[in-house]
PDB file of N, CA and C in Angstrom:
ATOM      1  N   MET A   1      -5.284  93.849  92.896  1.00  0.00           N
ATOM      2  CA  MET A   1      -5.395  92.617  93.429  1.00  0.00           C
ATOM      3  C   MET A   1      -6.667  91.962  93.047  1.00  0.00           C
ATOM      4  N   ILE A   2      -7.053  90.716  93.033  1.00  0.00           N
ATOM      5  CA  ILE A   2      -8.342  90.000  92.443  1.00  0.00           C
ATOM      6  C   ILE A   2      -9.412  90.010  93.542  1.00  0.00           C
ATOM      7  N   LEU A   3      -9.059  90.294  94.933  1.00  0.00           N
ATOM      8  CA  LEU A   3     -10.207  90.404  95.826  1.00  0.00           C
ATOM      9  C   LEU A   3     -11.489  91.481  95.382  1.00  0.00           C
ATOM     10  N   GLY A   4     -10.963  92.667  94.662  1.00  0.00           N
ATOM     11  CA  GLY A   4     -11.778  93.473  94.551  1.00  0.00           C
ATOM     12  C   GLY A   4     -12.758  93.221  93.317  1.00  0.00           C
ATOM     13  N   ALA A   5     -12.334  92.307  92.460  1.00  0.00           N
ATOM     14  CA  ALA A   5     -13.355  91.613  91.435  1.00  0.00           C
ATOM     15  C   ALA A   5     -14.271  90.753  91.971  1.00  0.00           C
ATOM     16  N   ILE A   6     -14.157  90.246  93.282  1.00  0.00           N
ATOM     17  CA  ILE A   6     -15.070  89.090  93.671  1.00  0.00           C
ATOM     18  C   ILE A   6     -16.256  89.884  94.565  1.00  0.00           C
ATOM     19  N   SER A   7     -17.440  89.328  93.986  1.00  0.00           N
ATOM     20  CA  SER A   7     -18.553  89.648  94.955  1.00  0.00           C
ATOM     21  C   SER A   7     -18.292  89.613  96.436  1.00  0.00           C
ATOM     22  N   ALA A   8     -18.771  90.331  97.107  1.00  0.00           N
ATOM     23  CA  ALA A   8     -18.980  90.251  98.581  1.00  0.00           C
ATOM     24  C   ALA A   8     -19.807  89.178  99.047  1.00  0.00           C
ATOM     25  N   THR A   9     -20.588  88.897  98.324  1.00  0.00           N
ATOM     26  CA  THR A   9     -21.612  87.829  98.598  1.00  0.00           C
ATOM     27  C   THR A   9     -20.846  86.370  99.401  1.00  0.00           C
ATOM     28  N   PRO A  10     -19.733  85.702  98.999  1.00  0.00           N
ATOM     29  CA  PRO A  10     -19.478  84.696  99.627  1.00  0.00           C
ATOM     30  C   PRO A  10     -18.663  85.077 100.748  1.00  0.00           C
ATOM     31  N   ILE A  11     -18.167  86.042 100.930  1.00  0.00           N
ATOM     32  CA  ILE A  11     -17.391  86.560 101.903  1.00  0.00           C
ATOM     33  C   ILE A  11     -18.351  86.928 102.876  1.00  0.00           C
ATOM     34  N   TYR A  12     -19.756  87.485 102.844  1.00  0.00           N
ATOM     35  CA  TYR A  12     -20.908  87.353 103.854  1.00  0.00           C
ATOM     36  C   TYR A  12     -21.290  86.144 103.948  1.00  0.00           C
ATOM     37  N   ALA A  13     -21.393  85.165 103.489  1.00  0.00           N
ATOM     38  CA  ALA A  13     -21.877  83.668 103.466  1.00  0.00           C
ATOM     39  C   ALA A  13     -20.506  83.134 104.655  1.00  0.00           C
ATOM     40  N   LEU A  14     -19.117  83.442 104.223  1.00  0.00           N
ATOM     41  CA  LEU A  14     -18.488  83.053 105.148  1.00  0.00           C
ATOM     42  C   LEU A  14     -18.676  83.510 106.844  1.00  0.00           C
ATOM     43  N   MET A  15     -18.816  84.658 106.730  1.00  0.00           N
ATOM     44  CA  MET A  15     -19.233  85.349 108.002  1.00  0.00           C
ATOM     45  C   MET A  15     -20.317  84.993 108.617  1.00  0.00           C
ATOM     46  N   ALA A  16     -21.330  84.631 108.152  1.00  0.00           N
ATOM     47  CA  ALA A  16     -22.531  83.986 108.432  1.00  0.00           C
ATOM     48  C   ALA A  16     -22.325  82.579 109.102  1.00  0.00           C
ATOM     49  N   PHE A  17     -21.385  81.769 108.324  1.00  0.00           N
ATOM     50  CA  PHE A  17     -21.101  80.432 108.545  1.00  0.00           C
ATOM     51  C   PHE A  17     -20.123  80.684 109.811  1.00  0.00           C
ATOM     52  N   SER A  18     -19.307  81.436 109.952  1.00  0.00           N
ATOM     53  CA  SER A  18     -18.494  81.354 111.180  1.00  0.00           C
ATOM     54  C   SER A  18     -19.103  81.729 112.476  1.00  0.00           C
ATOM     55  N   VAL A  19     -20.172  83.021 112.365  1.00  0.00           N
ATOM     56  CA  VAL A  19     -20.742  83.111 113.533  1.00  0.00           C
ATOM     57  C   VAL A  19     -21.894  81.913 113.919  1.00  0.00           C
ATOM     58  N   VAL A  20     -22.353  81.302 113.054  1.00  0.00           N
ATOM     59  CA  VAL A  20     -23.362  79.914 113.236  1.00  0.00           C
ATOM     60  C   VAL A  20     -22.389  78.910 113.791  1.00  0.00           C
ATOM     61  N   LEU A  21     -21.152  78.719 113.438  1.00  0.00           N
ATOM     62  CA  LEU A  21     -20.000  77.898 114.118  1.00  0.00           C
ATOM     63  C   LEU A  21     -19.819  78.152 115.240  1.00  0.00           C
ATOM     64  N   THR A  22     -19.330  79.390 115.612  1.00  0.00           N
ATOM     65  CA  THR A  22     -19.034  79.816 116.936  1.00  0.00           C
ATOM     66  C   THR A  22     -20.103  79.497 117.985  1.00  0.00           C
ATOM     67  N   LEU A  23     -21.316  79.860 117.523  1.00  0.00           N
ATOM     68  CA  LEU A  23     -22.654  79.636 118.548  1.00  0.00           C
ATOM     69  C   LEU A  23     -22.629  78.011 118.676  1.00  0.00           C
ATOM     70  N   MET A  24     -22.358  77.500 117.601  1.00  0.00           N
ATOM     71  CA  MET A  24     -22.683  76.131 118.056  1.00  0.00           C
ATOM     72  C   MET A  24     -21.578  75.592 119.077  1.00  0.00           C
ATOM     73  N   GLY A  25     -20.424  76.078 118.779  1.00  0.00           N
ATOM     74  CA  GLY A  25     -19.504  75.792 119.968  1.00  0.00           C
ATOM     75  C   GLY A  25     -19.758  76.224 120.965  1.00  0.00           C
ATOM     76  N   HIS A  26     -20.376  77.238 121.292  1.00  0.00           N
ATOM     77  CA  HIS A  26     -20.532  77.697 122.753  1.00  0.00           C
ATOM     78  C   HIS A  26     -21.572  76.852 123.224  1.00  0.00           C
ATOM     79  N   ILE A  27     -22.793  76.493 122.291  1.00  0.00           N
ATOM     80  CA  ILE A  27     -23.868  75.719 123.118  1.00  0.00           C
ATOM     81  C   ILE A  27     -23.200  74.308 123.345  1.00  0.00           C
ATOM     82  N   PHE A  28     -22.321  73.737 122.375  1.00  0.00           N
ATOM     83  CA  PHE A  28     -21.676  72.227 122.910  1.00  0.00           C
ATOM     84  C   PHE A  28     -20.562  72.388 123.755  1.00  0.00           C
ATOM     85  N   LYS A  29     -19.947  73.778 124.104  1.00  0.00           N
ATOM     86  CA  LYS A  29     -19.118  73.862 124.836  1.00  0.00           C
ATOM     87  C   LYS A  29     -17.569  73.161 124.584  1.00  0.00           C
ATOM     88  N   ASP A  30     -17.509  73.485 123.157  1.00  0.00           N
ATOM     89  CA  ASP A  30     -16.240  72.818 122.556  1.00  0.00           C
ATOM     90  C   ASP A  30     -15.478  74.093 121.986  1.00  0.00           C
ATOM     91  N   GLN A  31     -14.304  74.299 122.858  1.00  0.00           N
ATOM     92  CA  GLN A  31     -13.360  75.334 122.785  1.00  0.00           C
ATOM     93  C   GLN A  31     -12.834  75.645 121.300  1.00  0.00           C
ATOM     94  N   LYS A  32     -12.519  74.306 120.744  1.00  0.00           N
ATOM     95  CA  LYS A  32     -11.801  74.281 119.482  1.00  0.00           C
ATOM     96  C   LYS A  32     -12.770  74.558 118.146  1.00  0.00           C
ATOM     97  N   ILE A  33     -14.014  74.439 118.424  1.00  0.00           N
ATOM     98  CA  ILE A  33     -14.916  74.967 117.330  1.00  0.00           C
ATOM     99  C   ILE A  33     -15.179  76.481 117.726  1.00  0.00           C
ATOM    100  N   VAL A  34     -15.263  77.062 118.796  1.00  0.00           N
ATOM    101  CA  VAL A  34     -15.311  78.276 118.947  1.00  0.00           C
ATOM    102  C   VAL A  34     -14.140  79.257 118.451  1.00  0.00           C
ATOM    103  N   GLY A  35     -13.038  78.550 118.871  1.00  0.00           N
ATOM    104  CA  GLY A  35     -11.666  79.151 118.141  1.00  0.00           C
ATOM    105  C   GLY A  35     -11.615  79.260 116.728  1.00  0.00           C
ATOM    106  N   ILE A  36     -12.035  78.253 116.093  1.00  0.00           N
ATOM    107  CA  ILE A  36     -12.167  78.066 114.377  1.00  0.00           C
ATOM    108  C   ILE A  36     -13.374  78.941 114.179  1.00  0.00           C
ATOM    109  N   GLY A  37     -14.383  79.109 114.837  1.00  0.00           N
ATOM    110  CA  GLY A  37     -15.236  80.186 114.193  1.00  0.00           C
ATOM    111  C   GLY A  37     -15.034  81.545 114.412  1.00  0.00           C
ATOM    112  N   ILE A  38     -14.189  81.680 115.363  1.00  0.00           N
ATOM    113  CA  ILE A  38     -13.792  83.037 115.596  1.00  0.00           C
ATOM    114  C   ILE A  38     -12.614  83.592 114.694  1.00  0.00           C
ATOM    115  N   ALA A  39     -11.686  82.755 114.376  1.00  0.00           N
ATOM    116  CA  ALA A  39     -10.461  82.766 113.258  1.00  0.00           C
ATOM    117  C   ALA A  39     -11.084  82.908 112.123  1.00  0.00           C
ATOM    118  N   LEU A  40     -12.178  82.228 111.713  1.00  0.00           N
ATOM    119  CA  LEU A  40     -12.834  82.359 110.506  1.00  0.00           C
ATOM    120  C   LEU A  40     -13.631  83.639 110.449  1.00  0.00           C
ATOM    121  N   LEU A  41     -14.199  84.269 111.286  1.00  0.00           N
ATOM    122  CA  LEU A  41     -14.819  85.599 111.329  1.00  0.00           C
ATOM    123  C   LEU A  41     -13.792  86.484 111.085  1.00  0.00           C
ATOM    124  N   PHE A  42     -12.740  86.505 111.949  1.00  0.00           N
ATOM    125  CA  PHE A  42     -11.652  87.618 111.661  1.00  0.00           C
ATOM    126  C   PHE A  42     -10.899  87.389 110.232  1.00  0.00           C
ATOM    127  N   LEU A  43     -10.871  86.121 109.695  1.00  0.00           N
ATOM    128  CA  LEU A  43     -10.401  86.232 108.265  1.00  0.00           C
ATOM    129  C   LEU A  43     -11.592  86.639 107.440  1.00  0.00           C
ATOM    130  N   SER A  44     -12.631  86.440 107.461  1.00  0.00           N
ATOM    131  CA  SER A  44     -13.566  87.151 106.524  1.00  0.00           C
ATOM    132  C   SER A  44     -13.760  88.485 106.731  1.00  0.00           C
ATOM    133  N   THR A  45     -13.583  89.074 108.109  1.00  0.00           N
ATOM    134  CA  THR A  45     -13.588  90.323 108.214  1.00  0.00           C
ATOM    135  C   THR A  45     -12.366  91.163 107.506  1.00  0.00           C
ATOM    136  N   ALA A  46     -11.259  90.316 107.481  1.00  0.00           N
ATOM    137  CA  ALA A  46      -9.906  91.021 106.775  1.00  0.00           C
ATOM    138  C   ALA A  46     -10.216  90.848 105.333  1.00  0.00           C
ATOM    139  N   LEU A  47     -10.695  89.986 104.621  1.00  0.00           N
ATOM    140  CA  LEU A  47     -10.892  89.442 103.501  1.00  0.00           C
ATOM    141  C   LEU A  47     -11.936  90.792 102.855  1.00  0.00           C
ATOM    142  N   LEU A  48     -12.792  91.255 103.822  1.00  0.00           N
ATOM    143  CA  LEU A  48     -13.973  92.075 103.231  1.00  0.00           C
ATOM    144  C   LEU A  48     -13.189  93.605 103.085  1.00  0.00           C
ATOM    145  N   LEU A  49     -12.349  93.834 104.166  1.00  0.00           N
ATOM    146  CA  LEU A  49     -11.763  95.173 104.325  1.00  0.00           C
ATOM    147  C   LEU A  49     -10.695  95.092 103.073  1.00  0.00           C
ATOM    148  N   ILE A  50     -10.025  94.052 102.841  1.00  0.00           N
ATOM    149  CA  ILE A  50      -9.010  93.970 101.653  1.00  0.00           C
ATOM    150  C   ILE A  50      -9.494  94.163 100.263  1.00  0.00           C
ATOM    151  N   GLY A  51     -10.877  93.440 100.213  1.00  0.00           N
ATOM    152  CA  GLY A  51     -11.633  93.541  98.960  1.00  0.00           C
ATOM    153  C   GLY A  51     -12.170  95.079  98.735  1.00  0.00           C
ATOM    154  N   ALA A  52     -12.609  95.747  99.730  1.00  0.00           N
ATOM    155  CA  ALA A  52     -13.221  96.861  99.527  1.00  0.00           C
ATOM    156  C   ALA A  52     -12.252  98.036  99.219  1.00  0.00           C
ATOM    157  N   TYR A  53     -11.070  97.811 100.146  1.00  0.00           N
ATOM    158  CA  TYR A  53      -9.866  98.668  99.859  1.00  0.00           C
ATOM    159  C   TYR A  53      -9.304  98.592  98.236  1.00  0.00           C
ATOM    160  N   ASP A  54      -9.338  97.171  97.653  1.00  0.00           N
ATOM    161  CA  ASP A  54      -8.797  97.232  96.392  1.00  0.00           C
ATOM    162  C   ASP A  54      -9.780  97.698  95.484  1.00  0.00           C
ATOM    163  N   SER A  55     -11.185  97.349  95.687  1.00  0.00           N
ATOM    164  CA  SER A  55     -12.224  97.978  94.839  1.00  0.00           C
ATOM    165  C   SER A  55     -11.949  99.434  94.746  1.00  0.00           C
ATOM    166  N   TYR A  56     -11.915 100.122  96.057  1.00  0.00           N
ATOM    167  CA  TYR A  56     -11.633 101.698  96.148  1.00  0.00           C
ATOM    168  C   TYR A  56     -10.271 102.322  95.052  1.00  0.00           C
ATOM    169  N   GLN A  57      -9.356 101.537  95.204  1.00  0.00           N
ATOM    170  CA  GLN A  57      -8.075 101.607  94.543  1.00  0.00           C
ATOM    171  C   GLN A  57      -8.342 101.392  92.880  1.00  0.00           C
ATOM    172  N   ASP A  58      -9.066 100.700  92.713  1.00  0.00           N
ATOM    173  CA  ASP A  58      -9.332 100.448  91.432  1.00  0.00           C
ATOM    174  C   ASP A  58     -10.200 101.472  90.544  1.00  0.00           C
ATOM    175  N   SER A  59     -10.771 102.304  91.542  1.00  0.00           N
ATOM    176  CA  SER A  59     -12.072 102.925  90.764  1.00  0.00           C
ATOM    177  C   SER A  59     -11.475 104.355  90.247  1.00  0.00           C
ATOM    178  N   GLY A  60      -9.984 104.543  90.430  1.00  0.00           N
ATOM    179  CA  GLY A  60      -9.239 105.783  89.806  1.00  0.00           C
ATOM    180  C   GLY A  60      -9.843 107.177  90.751  1.00  0.00           C
ATOM    181  N   PRO A  61      -9.237 107.847  90.106  1.00  0.00           N
ATOM    182  CA  PRO A  61      -9.531 109.320  90.664  1.00  0.00           C
ATOM    183  C   PRO A  61     -11.031 109.962  90.774  1.00  0.00           C
ATOM    184  N   ILE A  62     -11.402 110.412  91.448  1.00  0.00           N
ATOM    185  CA  ILE A  62     -12.687 111.047  91.904  1.00  0.00           C
ATOM    186  C   ILE A  62     -12.926 112.561  91.058  1.00  0.00           C
ATOM    187  N   ASP A  63     -13.538 112.710  90.193  1.00  0.00           N
ATOM    188  CA  ASP A  63     -13.517 113.853  89.402  1.00  0.00           C
ATOM    189  C   ASP A  63     -14.416 114.810  90.207  1.00  0.00           C
ATOM    190  N   VAL A  64     -14.070 115.907  90.768  1.00  0.00           N
ATOM    191  CA  VAL A  64     -15.013 116.821  91.566  1.00  0.00           C
ATOM    192  C   VAL A  64     -14.898 118.159  90.930  1.00  0.00           C
ATOM    193  N   LYS A  65     -16.055 118.735  90.575  1.00  0.00           N
ATOM    194  CA  LYS A  65     -16.245 119.758  89.699  1.00  0.00           C
ATOM    195  C   LYS A  65     -17.188 120.980  90.447  1.00  0.00           C
TER     196      LYS A  65
END
């Protein structure tokens, strides 16, 4: 997959943005904004996990001596 080749920095930025968006939704009491922020947070977490798994799979076997 291609996610293993992508740096984690944009995904961390998406996580930070989603947390800020969720907090702003709570401050302004807008449930739609809170929902979008939480959905983006789950999406970024899933992307981070998939990318980490893909990087792990591409690393090849570990040579233990």
